[in-house]
Amino acid sequence: MHQSVEYNVGGALRPEDSAPPYWLLKGCLPMRRFLPSRPHMLFLISACTLCVILACAGVVGDNELYGERSDMAEASVDRLATGAWDVLSEIRTLGASKLEGHVLQIVRECVELSVCGQPFPYAKQLLSAACVEPEVEQVLARRSAGAFVTVVRNNSVRACVGSIWPQCANLVDEMVYLATQVAARDFRRAPIEPWELATCEYAVSIVGRLERVSPHEEWSPKAYGVFVRAGQRSGVILPGEALTHAKQVSWARDEAGIGPSERCEVYRFQTVKFGCSLDLRRGR
């Protein structure tokens, strides 16, 4: 058994402490010219060992997050986007119409309060004020999913924020967060002004599981949205925002800054949508 090494307050090694075993330092002998003191050498060995342990545990390095390995990227997206519960199935079983009025009331109230610079209530207070049924509260307060909040004026998107992946612990917190952000945090557009509120309409899209597909596969752009990714660049187009599949994918690529000839990962997804829709044939 080797004697443990202790450091004093100044960090110097006491002379009476025993030297580390030869087998521990053998691989680091070429470094002695750069590390003249034993404490520095021991620190380097400990740091390297810790990095190896963390890497094996998956704490260090998120290469799969940025698509450096396509097989790992697909697993990562599936794990993050689907979760243990398919929220869309539960909403459809319950009936989207039972949630729609409550969802839109919460979003409208939070957007208006945020635009006017007023504090907004907690999620539980919002649910209580909306007089939601227990089964509706079960979904809104105990399930989580990615979501998008869109503000529409004159058949045009006035503002839109959201994420494929949940940012909050439950759906009602997610909607409150996005509703307060959409008022001023869509940096592609000017902040919403109080005088605009009277003519604003709202849409909320709850995002389901991501399904990786071939870039050449076609689907209905009304039924599916698309998520494209190349490295750290990504773009999302929701269902019903494009007339054709080709336009939907092209638009997502443009949003991400991915060129037409660049390779990228393509995922499609479904949503449950509450609220208004754009009339695409009238123009945006």
Foldseek 3Di string as FASTA:
>chain_A
DADDFDADPVRDGDPPHDADDCVLCVVVVVCCVVVVDPSVVVVVSVVVVVVVVCVVVVNPDDVLCQPPDVVSVVVVQQPQAAPPDFLVVLCVVVDVVLCQVLLQVLLLVLLLCLQVVHDDDDLVVSCVVSVHDPSNCCQFVQAFFWKKKFKDAPLDTQWMDIDRGGPDRGNSVSSSVRSNCRQPPRVVHHGDHNVCSVRIWMKMKTWGGKDWDDPPDADQLQFKKKWKHHGPFIFIDGRQPDHGRVVRVVVRCVNRVHDPPDDITMIITGIDMHIDHHPPVVPD
